[in-house]
Amino acid sequence: MERELSNKALMGDAMGQFSLNIATGLLGLITYYYTDIVGVSAGLVGTIMLLTKVIDAFADIGMGVVVDRTRSRHGQARPWLLWMSIPLFVLIILMFSVPDVSPGAKVVYAVVTNLIFFVCIYTPIAIPYNSLMALTTKSPALFCQIHLGQRESCRYYGSDRVHSRCCRLSAFRTVVQTIRQT
């Protein structure tokens, strides 16, 4: 059986999972940031996350329909990955930049930035990326190779890098406090 994709294309696809996991790993620290740095109660942060995820579940379905209907010279999924990469970066910065305002305004800021991030930025990246395998190949063997080989290794490697080396909580606290002081 002839291969449909080169090794370079397979690794490029896998690196998408690596970058998604870096973004997800950073967002794993958002509860710490909201509770310990910003000062929002843990129960309220949990409620914000629950609300965001419930709304995001419906957005995921809608995004699947949008990807199915996308027609461009780059295909169905790739344009979304290109269009949303810079907004992803900007929104992560905004989520970790809560202004020094009243406690109620901080909660509103957290809700709004989380909703925008998950519904308008992360969903339009994650859903098209996860549909790439089905859009790229019809070969079950290559499908398994992409999923089990490259993507899974980059998934674990990406999340490991974020949690164990890049964002230790003590270093994170120091960086955030330094930024807030300037």
N, C-alpha and C. Protein backbone atom coordinates (compact mmCIF):
# COMPACT_ATOMS: atom_id res chain seq x y z
N MET A 1 0.84 -1.18 0.00
CA MET A 1 0.00 0.00 0.00
C MET A 1 0.89 1.24 0.00
N GLU A 2 0.58 2.18 -0.85
CA GLU A 2 1.37 3.40 -0.97
C GLU A 2 0.93 4.42 0.09
N ARG A 3 1.92 5.11 0.66
CA ARG A 3 1.62 6.10 1.70
C ARG A 3 1.03 7.35 1.06
N GLU A 4 0.06 7.94 1.75
CA GLU A 4 -0.58 9.14 1.26
C GLU A 4 0.13 10.40 1.74
N LEU A 5 0.85 10.33 2.87
CA LEU A 5 1.49 11.49 3.46
C LEU A 5 2.97 11.22 3.70
N SER A 6 3.78 12.26 3.56
CA SER A 6 5.21 12.13 3.84
C SER A 6 5.43 12.19 5.35
N ASN A 7 6.64 11.80 5.76
CA ASN A 7 6.99 11.89 7.19
C ASN A 7 6.93 13.33 7.66
N LYS A 8 7.34 14.26 6.80
CA LYS A 8 7.29 15.69 7.15
C LYS A 8 5.85 16.12 7.41
N ALA A 9 4.93 15.70 6.57
CA ALA A 9 3.53 16.04 6.77
C ALA A 9 2.97 15.41 8.04
N LEU A 10 3.37 14.18 8.32
CA LEU A 10 2.91 13.50 9.53
C LEU A 10 3.42 14.21 10.78
N MET A 11 4.68 14.63 10.78
CA MET A 11 5.22 15.33 11.94
C MET A 11 4.61 16.72 12.08
N GLY A 12 4.33 17.37 10.97
CA GLY A 12 3.66 18.67 11.03
C GLY A 12 2.29 18.55 11.66
N ASP A 13 1.58 17.49 11.31
CA ASP A 13 0.28 17.24 11.92
C ASP A 13 0.41 16.99 13.41
N ALA A 14 1.41 16.22 13.79
CA ALA A 14 1.61 15.88 15.20
C ALA A 14 1.98 17.11 16.03
N MET A 15 2.72 18.03 15.46
CA MET A 15 3.11 19.23 16.20
C MET A 15 1.90 20.11 16.51
N GLY A 16 0.84 19.98 15.74
CA GLY A 16 -0.40 20.69 16.07
C GLY A 16 -0.92 20.24 17.42
N GLN A 17 -0.83 18.95 17.70
CA GLN A 17 -1.26 18.44 19.00
C GLN A 17 -0.36 18.96 20.11
N PHE A 18 0.92 19.06 19.83
CA PHE A 18 1.87 19.60 20.80
C PHE A 18 1.48 21.03 21.19
N SER A 19 1.20 21.86 20.20
CA SER A 19 0.86 23.25 20.50
C SER A 19 -0.49 23.37 21.19
N LEU A 20 -1.46 22.55 20.80
CA LEU A 20 -2.75 22.56 21.50
C LEU A 20 -2.58 22.19 22.96
N ASN A 21 -1.69 21.26 23.26
CA ASN A 21 -1.49 20.86 24.64
C ASN A 21 -0.73 21.88 25.45
N ILE A 22 0.12 22.66 24.80
CA ILE A 22 0.76 23.75 25.52
C ILE A 22 -0.30 24.76 25.94
N ALA A 23 -1.20 25.11 25.01
CA ALA A 23 -2.28 26.05 25.35
C ALA A 23 -3.17 25.47 26.44
N THR A 24 -3.53 24.21 26.34
CA THR A 24 -4.37 23.58 27.35
C THR A 24 -3.66 23.50 28.69
N GLY A 25 -2.37 23.21 28.68
CA GLY A 25 -1.60 23.15 29.92
C GLY A 25 -1.54 24.50 30.62
N LEU A 26 -1.37 25.56 29.85
CA LEU A 26 -1.40 26.90 30.44
C LEU A 26 -2.75 27.19 31.05
N LEU A 27 -3.80 26.77 30.38
CA LEU A 27 -5.13 27.00 30.92
C LEU A 27 -5.41 26.15 32.14
N GLY A 28 -4.65 25.06 32.31
CA GLY A 28 -4.78 24.28 33.53
C GLY A 28 -4.34 25.09 34.75
N LEU A 29 -3.55 26.11 34.52
CA LEU A 29 -3.09 26.97 35.61
C LEU A 29 -4.05 28.12 35.89
N ILE A 30 -5.11 28.25 35.10
CA ILE A 30 -6.00 29.41 35.25
C ILE A 30 -6.74 29.39 36.58
N THR A 31 -7.09 28.21 37.08
CA THR A 31 -7.76 28.17 38.38
C THR A 31 -6.84 28.65 39.48
N TYR A 32 -5.59 28.25 39.42
CA TYR A 32 -4.60 28.75 40.38
C TYR A 32 -4.49 30.27 40.27
N TYR A 33 -4.38 30.77 39.06
CA TYR A 33 -4.24 32.21 38.85
C TYR A 33 -5.44 32.97 39.40
N TYR A 34 -6.65 32.50 39.06
CA TYR A 34 -7.86 33.20 39.53
C TYR A 34 -8.00 33.17 41.05
N THR A 35 -7.68 32.04 41.67
CA THR A 35 -7.89 31.94 43.12
C THR A 35 -6.76 32.57 43.91
N ASP A 36 -5.51 32.25 43.60
CA ASP A 36 -4.38 32.69 44.43
C ASP A 36 -3.83 34.07 44.05
N ILE A 37 -3.89 34.43 42.80
CA ILE A 37 -3.32 35.70 42.37
C ILE A 37 -4.40 36.79 42.30
N VAL A 38 -5.52 36.48 41.64
CA VAL A 38 -6.59 37.47 41.46
C VAL A 38 -7.46 37.59 42.71
N GLY A 39 -7.66 36.48 43.40
CA GLY A 39 -8.43 36.52 44.64
C GLY A 39 -9.90 36.16 44.50
N VAL A 40 -10.27 35.47 43.44
CA VAL A 40 -11.65 35.01 43.26
C VAL A 40 -11.82 33.71 44.03
N SER A 41 -12.96 33.52 44.66
CA SER A 41 -13.17 32.30 45.45
C SER A 41 -13.16 31.06 44.56
N ALA A 42 -12.70 29.96 45.13
CA ALA A 42 -12.58 28.71 44.38
C ALA A 42 -13.94 28.23 43.86
N GLY A 43 -14.99 28.38 44.66
CA GLY A 43 -16.32 27.97 44.22
C GLY A 43 -16.79 28.76 43.02
N LEU A 44 -16.50 30.05 43.02
CA LEU A 44 -16.89 30.90 41.90
C LEU A 44 -16.08 30.56 40.65
N VAL A 45 -14.80 30.27 40.82
CA VAL A 45 -13.97 29.87 39.68
C VAL A 45 -14.49 28.56 39.09
N GLY A 46 -14.85 27.61 39.94
CA GLY A 46 -15.42 26.35 39.46
C GLY A 46 -16.72 26.56 38.71
N THR A 47 -17.55 27.47 39.20
CA THR A 47 -18.81 27.77 38.53
C THR A 47 -18.56 28.42 37.16
N ILE A 48 -17.57 29.30 37.10
CA ILE A 48 -17.21 29.93 35.81
C ILE A 48 -16.76 28.87 34.83
N MET A 49 -15.92 27.95 35.28
CA MET A 49 -15.43 26.89 34.40
C MET A 49 -16.57 25.97 33.94
N LEU A 50 -17.48 25.64 34.86
CA LEU A 50 -18.62 24.80 34.50
C LEU A 50 -19.50 25.49 33.46
N LEU A 51 -19.82 26.74 33.70
CA LEU A 51 -20.64 27.51 32.75
C LEU A 51 -19.98 27.55 31.38
N THR A 52 -18.70 27.82 31.37
CA THR A 52 -17.97 27.90 30.11
C THR A 52 -17.99 26.58 29.37
N LYS A 53 -17.79 25.48 30.07
CA LYS A 53 -17.75 24.17 29.42
C LYS A 53 -19.12 23.73 28.91
N VAL A 54 -20.18 24.06 29.62
CA VAL A 54 -21.53 23.71 29.16
C VAL A 54 -21.83 24.44 27.85
N ILE A 55 -21.55 25.72 27.81
CA ILE A 55 -21.78 26.49 26.58
C ILE A 55 -20.86 26.01 25.47
N ASP A 56 -19.63 25.69 25.82
CA ASP A 56 -18.65 25.20 24.84
C ASP A 56 -19.08 23.88 24.22
N ALA A 57 -19.77 23.04 24.96
CA ALA A 57 -20.24 21.76 24.40
C ALA A 57 -21.16 21.98 23.21
N PHE A 58 -22.03 22.97 23.30
CA PHE A 58 -22.92 23.28 22.18
C PHE A 58 -22.15 23.96 21.05
N ALA A 59 -21.15 24.77 21.38
CA ALA A 59 -20.33 25.42 20.37
C ALA A 59 -19.54 24.39 19.56
N ASP A 60 -19.12 23.30 20.22
CA ASP A 60 -18.37 22.25 19.52
C ASP A 60 -19.22 21.63 18.41
N ILE A 61 -20.46 21.38 18.70
CA ILE A 61 -21.36 20.81 17.69
C ILE A 61 -21.53 21.79 16.53
N GLY A 62 -21.77 23.04 16.86
CA GLY A 62 -21.91 24.05 15.82
C GLY A 62 -20.66 24.21 14.98
N MET A 63 -19.51 24.13 15.61
CA MET A 63 -18.25 24.26 14.88
C MET A 63 -18.04 23.09 13.94
N GLY A 64 -18.48 21.91 14.33
CA GLY A 64 -18.40 20.76 13.44
C GLY A 64 -19.19 21.00 12.16
N VAL A 65 -20.36 21.59 12.29
CA VAL A 65 -21.18 21.92 11.13
C VAL A 65 -20.47 22.97 10.27
N VAL A 66 -19.90 23.98 10.91
CA VAL A 66 -19.19 25.03 10.18
C VAL A 66 -18.01 24.46 9.40
N VAL A 67 -17.24 23.57 10.02
CA VAL A 67 -16.10 22.95 9.33
C VAL A 67 -16.58 22.14 8.14
N ASP A 68 -17.67 21.39 8.31
CA ASP A 68 -18.21 20.61 7.19
C ASP A 68 -18.61 21.49 6.02
N ARG A 69 -19.05 22.70 6.30
CA ARG A 69 -19.51 23.62 5.24
C ARG A 69 -18.42 24.55 4.72
N THR A 70 -17.24 24.52 5.32
CA THR A 70 -16.14 25.40 4.88
C THR A 70 -15.59 24.91 3.55
N ARG A 71 -15.47 25.82 2.63
CA ARG A 71 -14.89 25.53 1.32
C ARG A 71 -13.85 26.61 1.04
N SER A 72 -12.59 26.20 0.94
CA SER A 72 -11.54 27.15 0.61
C SER A 72 -10.44 26.42 -0.14
N ARG A 73 -9.49 27.19 -0.66
CA ARG A 73 -8.39 26.56 -1.40
C ARG A 73 -7.47 25.79 -0.45
N HIS A 74 -7.56 26.06 0.86
CA HIS A 74 -6.74 25.35 1.84
C HIS A 74 -7.46 24.14 2.43
N GLY A 75 -8.67 23.87 2.00
CA GLY A 75 -9.43 22.74 2.51
C GLY A 75 -10.48 23.18 3.51
N GLN A 76 -10.98 22.22 4.28
CA GLN A 76 -12.04 22.51 5.24
C GLN A 76 -11.52 22.91 6.61
N ALA A 77 -10.47 22.32 7.07
CA ALA A 77 -10.01 22.53 8.44
C ALA A 77 -8.84 23.51 8.55
N ARG A 78 -7.93 23.46 7.60
CA ARG A 78 -6.71 24.27 7.70
C ARG A 78 -6.96 25.77 7.84
N PRO A 79 -7.94 26.35 7.13
CA PRO A 79 -8.15 27.80 7.29
C PRO A 79 -8.44 28.20 8.74
N TRP A 80 -9.16 27.38 9.45
CA TRP A 80 -9.48 27.70 10.85
C TRP A 80 -8.23 27.69 11.71
N LEU A 81 -7.32 26.78 11.44
CA LEU A 81 -6.07 26.73 12.19
C LEU A 81 -5.23 27.98 11.91
N LEU A 82 -5.24 28.42 10.67
CA LEU A 82 -4.48 29.63 10.31
C LEU A 82 -5.13 30.89 10.88
N TRP A 83 -6.43 30.98 10.79
CA TRP A 83 -7.14 32.20 11.22
C TRP A 83 -7.11 32.37 12.74
N MET A 84 -7.09 31.31 13.48
CA MET A 84 -7.25 31.40 14.93
C MET A 84 -5.95 31.35 15.74
N SER A 85 -4.81 31.18 15.11
CA SER A 85 -3.56 31.05 15.87
C SER A 85 -3.19 32.33 16.61
N ILE A 86 -3.29 33.47 15.99
CA ILE A 86 -2.96 34.73 16.67
C ILE A 86 -4.00 35.09 17.72
N PRO A 87 -5.31 34.99 17.42
CA PRO A 87 -6.28 35.24 18.50
C PRO A 87 -6.11 34.31 19.70
N LEU A 88 -5.67 33.07 19.49
CA LEU A 88 -5.39 32.16 20.60
C LEU A 88 -4.33 32.74 21.52
N PHE A 89 -3.26 33.20 20.94
CA PHE A 89 -2.16 33.79 21.72
C PHE A 89 -2.64 35.03 22.48
N VAL A 90 -3.37 35.90 21.81
CA VAL A 90 -3.86 37.14 22.43
C VAL A 90 -4.80 36.83 23.59
N LEU A 91 -5.72 35.89 23.40
CA LEU A 91 -6.68 35.58 24.47
C LEU A 91 -6.02 34.91 25.67
N ILE A 92 -5.00 34.11 25.45
CA ILE A 92 -4.30 33.53 26.60
C ILE A 92 -3.66 34.64 27.43
N ILE A 93 -3.06 35.60 26.76
CA ILE A 93 -2.48 36.74 27.49
C ILE A 93 -3.57 37.50 28.24
N LEU A 94 -4.70 37.76 27.59
CA LEU A 94 -5.79 38.49 28.24
C LEU A 94 -6.35 37.73 29.45
N MET A 95 -6.43 36.41 29.35
CA MET A 95 -6.96 35.63 30.46
C MET A 95 -6.07 35.73 31.69
N PHE A 96 -4.76 35.88 31.47
CA PHE A 96 -3.83 36.00 32.59
C PHE A 96 -3.48 37.45 32.90
N SER A 97 -4.31 38.36 32.44
CA SER A 97 -4.08 39.79 32.68
C SER A 97 -5.33 40.45 33.23
N VAL A 98 -5.85 39.92 34.31
CA VAL A 98 -7.06 40.48 34.91
C VAL A 98 -6.72 41.86 35.49
N PRO A 99 -7.47 42.90 35.10
CA PRO A 99 -7.17 44.24 35.60
C PRO A 99 -7.46 44.37 37.09
N ASP A 100 -6.82 45.31 37.72
CA ASP A 100 -7.00 45.55 39.15
C ASP A 100 -8.24 46.43 39.34
N VAL A 101 -9.39 45.78 39.38
CA VAL A 101 -10.68 46.46 39.53
C VAL A 101 -11.43 45.82 40.69
N SER A 102 -12.70 46.15 40.83
CA SER A 102 -13.50 45.59 41.92
C SER A 102 -13.65 44.07 41.77
N PRO A 103 -13.92 43.37 42.87
CA PRO A 103 -14.07 41.91 42.79
C PRO A 103 -15.16 41.47 41.80
N GLY A 104 -16.26 42.19 41.76
CA GLY A 104 -17.32 41.85 40.81
C GLY A 104 -16.87 42.00 39.37
N ALA A 105 -16.12 43.06 39.09
CA ALA A 105 -15.62 43.29 37.74
C ALA A 105 -14.60 42.23 37.35
N LYS A 106 -13.82 41.74 38.32
CA LYS A 106 -12.87 40.67 38.05
C LYS A 106 -13.60 39.39 37.63
N VAL A 107 -14.70 39.10 38.30
CA VAL A 107 -15.49 37.91 37.95
C VAL A 107 -16.08 38.05 36.56
N VAL A 108 -16.63 39.23 36.25
CA VAL A 108 -17.19 39.47 34.91
C VAL A 108 -16.09 39.32 33.86
N TYR A 109 -14.93 39.88 34.13
CA TYR A 109 -13.79 39.76 33.21
C TYR A 109 -13.43 38.29 33.00
N ALA A 110 -13.38 37.53 34.07
CA ALA A 110 -13.04 36.10 33.97
C ALA A 110 -14.09 35.35 33.14
N VAL A 111 -15.36 35.62 33.38
CA VAL A 111 -16.42 34.95 32.63
C VAL A 111 -16.32 35.29 31.14
N VAL A 112 -16.19 36.58 30.85
CA VAL A 112 -16.16 37.02 29.45
C VAL A 112 -14.93 36.46 28.73
N THR A 113 -13.75 36.57 29.33
CA THR A 113 -12.56 36.07 28.65
C THR A 113 -12.59 34.55 28.49
N ASN A 114 -13.11 33.83 29.47
CA ASN A 114 -13.23 32.37 29.33
C ASN A 114 -14.21 31.99 28.24
N LEU A 115 -15.34 32.66 28.19
CA LEU A 115 -16.31 32.35 27.14
C LEU A 115 -15.75 32.66 25.76
N ILE A 116 -15.13 33.82 25.61
CA ILE A 116 -14.55 34.16 24.31
C ILE A 116 -13.47 33.15 23.94
N PHE A 117 -12.64 32.82 24.91
CA PHE A 117 -11.56 31.88 24.61
C PHE A 117 -12.09 30.52 24.17
N PHE A 118 -12.92 29.91 24.99
CA PHE A 118 -13.35 28.54 24.69
C PHE A 118 -14.33 28.46 23.53
N VAL A 119 -15.27 29.39 23.45
CA VAL A 119 -16.30 29.31 22.41
C VAL A 119 -15.82 29.88 21.08
N CYS A 120 -15.11 31.00 21.12
CA CYS A 120 -14.76 31.71 19.89
C CYS A 120 -13.34 31.46 19.40
N ILE A 121 -12.46 30.93 20.24
CA ILE A 121 -11.07 30.75 19.83
C ILE A 121 -10.64 29.27 19.90
N TYR A 122 -10.77 28.65 21.06
CA TYR A 122 -10.27 27.28 21.20
C TYR A 122 -11.10 26.27 20.40
N THR A 123 -12.41 26.40 20.43
CA THR A 123 -13.26 25.49 19.65
C THR A 123 -12.96 25.58 18.16
N PRO A 124 -12.82 26.79 17.57
CA PRO A 124 -12.49 26.85 16.14
C PRO A 124 -11.07 26.37 15.80
N ILE A 125 -10.27 26.05 16.79
CA ILE A 125 -8.97 25.43 16.52
C ILE A 125 -9.05 23.92 16.77
N ALA A 126 -9.59 23.52 17.91
CA ALA A 126 -9.59 22.11 18.32
C ALA A 126 -10.47 21.24 17.41
N ILE A 127 -11.65 21.70 17.08
CA ILE A 127 -12.55 20.87 16.26
C ILE A 127 -11.97 20.66 14.86
N PRO A 128 -11.53 21.71 14.15
CA PRO A 128 -10.91 21.46 12.85
C PRO A 128 -9.64 20.61 12.94
N TYR A 129 -8.83 20.84 13.96
CA TYR A 129 -7.61 20.04 14.09
C TYR A 129 -7.95 18.56 14.26
N ASN A 130 -8.92 18.27 15.11
CA ASN A 130 -9.29 16.87 15.33
C ASN A 130 -9.98 16.25 14.13
N SER A 131 -10.53 17.05 13.24
CA SER A 131 -11.15 16.51 12.03
C SER A 131 -10.14 16.31 10.91
N LEU A 132 -8.93 16.81 11.08
CA LEU A 132 -7.92 16.70 10.03
C LEU A 132 -7.61 15.25 9.65
N MET A 133 -7.57 14.35 10.62
CA MET A 133 -7.26 12.95 10.31
C MET A 133 -8.26 12.37 9.33
N ALA A 134 -9.54 12.62 9.59
CA ALA A 134 -10.57 12.08 8.70
C ALA A 134 -10.54 12.75 7.34
N LEU A 135 -10.16 14.02 7.30
CA LEU A 135 -10.10 14.75 6.04
C LEU A 135 -8.82 14.45 5.26
N THR A 136 -7.77 14.00 5.95
CA THR A 136 -6.47 13.79 5.32
C THR A 136 -6.37 12.44 4.63
N THR A 137 -6.88 11.41 5.25
CA THR A 137 -6.69 10.07 4.70
C THR A 137 -7.96 9.22 4.88
N LYS A 138 -8.12 8.32 3.96
CA LYS A 138 -9.19 7.32 4.07
C LYS A 138 -8.62 5.96 4.44
N SER A 139 -7.29 5.88 4.59
CA SER A 139 -6.62 4.64 4.92
C SER A 139 -6.68 4.39 6.43
N PRO A 140 -7.31 3.29 6.86
CA PRO A 140 -7.36 2.99 8.29
C PRO A 140 -5.97 2.81 8.91
N ALA A 141 -5.04 2.26 8.17
CA ALA A 141 -3.69 2.05 8.70
C ALA A 141 -3.00 3.39 8.95
N LEU A 142 -3.10 4.30 8.00
CA LEU A 142 -2.48 5.61 8.17
C LEU A 142 -3.19 6.42 9.25
N PHE A 143 -4.50 6.26 9.32
CA PHE A 143 -5.29 6.92 10.36
C PHE A 143 -4.76 6.52 11.74
N CYS A 144 -4.55 5.21 11.95
CA CYS A 144 -4.03 4.72 13.23
C CYS A 144 -2.60 5.21 13.46
N GLN A 145 -1.80 5.23 12.41
CA GLN A 145 -0.43 5.70 12.54
C GLN A 145 -0.40 7.16 12.99
N ILE A 146 -1.25 7.98 12.38
CA ILE A 146 -1.29 9.40 12.75
C ILE A 146 -1.74 9.54 14.20
N HIS A 147 -2.84 8.87 14.53
CA HIS A 147 -3.41 9.05 15.86
C HIS A 147 -2.55 8.45 16.96
N LEU A 148 -2.21 7.19 16.82
CA LEU A 148 -1.51 6.51 17.90
C LEU A 148 -0.03 6.84 17.95
N GLY A 149 0.55 7.15 16.83
CA GLY A 149 1.98 7.43 16.80
C GLY A 149 2.30 8.87 17.11
N GLN A 150 2.20 9.68 16.09
CA GLN A 150 2.66 11.05 16.23
C GLN A 150 1.81 11.88 17.18
N ARG A 151 0.51 11.86 17.06
CA ARG A 151 -0.33 12.73 17.88
C ARG A 151 -0.25 12.38 19.36
N GLU A 152 -0.31 11.11 19.68
CA GLU A 152 -0.29 10.73 21.09
C GLU A 152 1.04 11.06 21.74
N SER A 153 2.13 10.84 21.02
CA SER A 153 3.43 11.17 21.61
C SER A 153 3.56 12.67 21.82
N CYS A 154 3.10 13.47 20.88
CA CYS A 154 3.16 14.93 21.06
C CYS A 154 2.17 15.40 22.11
N ARG A 155 1.05 14.71 22.26
CA ARG A 155 0.08 15.10 23.29
C ARG A 155 0.72 14.98 24.67
N TYR A 156 1.33 13.85 24.95
CA TYR A 156 1.92 13.65 26.26
C TYR A 156 3.17 14.50 26.44
N TYR A 157 3.97 14.61 25.40
CA TYR A 157 5.17 15.42 25.50
C TYR A 157 4.82 16.89 25.72
N GLY A 158 3.82 17.39 25.00
CA GLY A 158 3.42 18.79 25.15
C GLY A 158 2.90 19.09 26.54
N SER A 159 2.03 18.24 27.06
CA SER A 159 1.50 18.50 28.39
C SER A 159 2.57 18.32 29.46
N ASP A 160 3.49 17.39 29.25
CA ASP A 160 4.58 17.20 30.19
C ASP A 160 5.48 18.44 30.24
N ARG A 161 5.77 19.00 29.10
CA ARG A 161 6.62 20.20 29.05
C ARG A 161 5.99 21.35 29.82
N VAL A 162 4.71 21.54 29.64
CA VAL A 162 4.05 22.65 30.31
C VAL A 162 4.01 22.43 31.81
N HIS A 163 3.63 21.26 32.23
CA HIS A 163 3.44 21.02 33.66
C HIS A 163 4.74 20.82 34.42
N SER A 164 5.73 20.21 33.81
CA SER A 164 6.91 19.89 34.60
C SER A 164 8.05 20.87 34.44
N ARG A 165 8.12 21.58 33.33
CA ARG A 165 9.30 22.43 33.11
C ARG A 165 8.98 23.89 32.93
N CYS A 166 7.96 24.22 32.15
CA CYS A 166 7.73 25.61 31.76
C CYS A 166 7.01 26.42 32.82
N CYS A 167 6.10 25.80 33.52
CA CYS A 167 5.21 26.59 34.38
C CYS A 167 5.14 26.05 35.79
N ARG A 168 6.21 25.90 36.44
CA ARG A 168 6.17 25.52 37.85
C ARG A 168 5.46 26.63 38.60
N LEU A 169 4.62 26.27 39.54
CA LEU A 169 3.77 27.26 40.19
C LEU A 169 4.55 28.36 40.88
N SER A 170 5.67 28.05 41.49
CA SER A 170 6.43 29.09 42.16
C SER A 170 7.00 30.08 41.16
N ALA A 171 7.50 29.59 40.04
CA ALA A 171 8.02 30.48 39.00
C ALA A 171 6.88 31.28 38.38
N PHE A 172 5.76 30.63 38.20
CA PHE A 172 4.59 31.30 37.65
C PHE A 172 4.14 32.44 38.56
N ARG A 173 4.09 32.17 39.85
CA ARG A 173 3.70 33.20 40.81
C ARG A 173 4.65 34.39 40.75
N THR A 174 5.94 34.13 40.67
CA THR A 174 6.94 35.20 40.60
C THR A 174 6.77 36.04 39.34
N VAL A 175 6.54 35.38 38.21
CA VAL A 175 6.36 36.10 36.95
C VAL A 175 5.11 36.96 37.01
N VAL A 176 4.01 36.41 37.48
CA VAL A 176 2.76 37.17 37.55
C VAL A 176 2.89 38.35 38.49
N GLN A 177 3.52 38.15 39.64
CA GLN A 177 3.70 39.25 40.58
C GLN A 177 4.60 40.33 40.01
N THR A 178 5.62 39.94 39.27
CA THR A 178 6.51 40.90 38.62
C THR A 178 5.74 41.72 37.59
N ILE A 179 4.90 41.06 36.81
CA ILE A 179 4.11 41.75 35.78
C ILE A 179 3.13 42.70 36.44
N ARG A 180 2.50 42.29 37.51
CA ARG A 180 1.53 43.15 38.19
C ARG A 180 2.20 44.37 38.82
N GLN A 181 3.45 44.25 39.20
CA GLN A 181 4.15 45.38 39.83
C GLN A 181 4.58 46.42 38.80
N THR A 182 4.71 46.05 37.55
CA THR A 182 5.13 47.01 36.54
C THR A 182 3.98 47.79 35.97
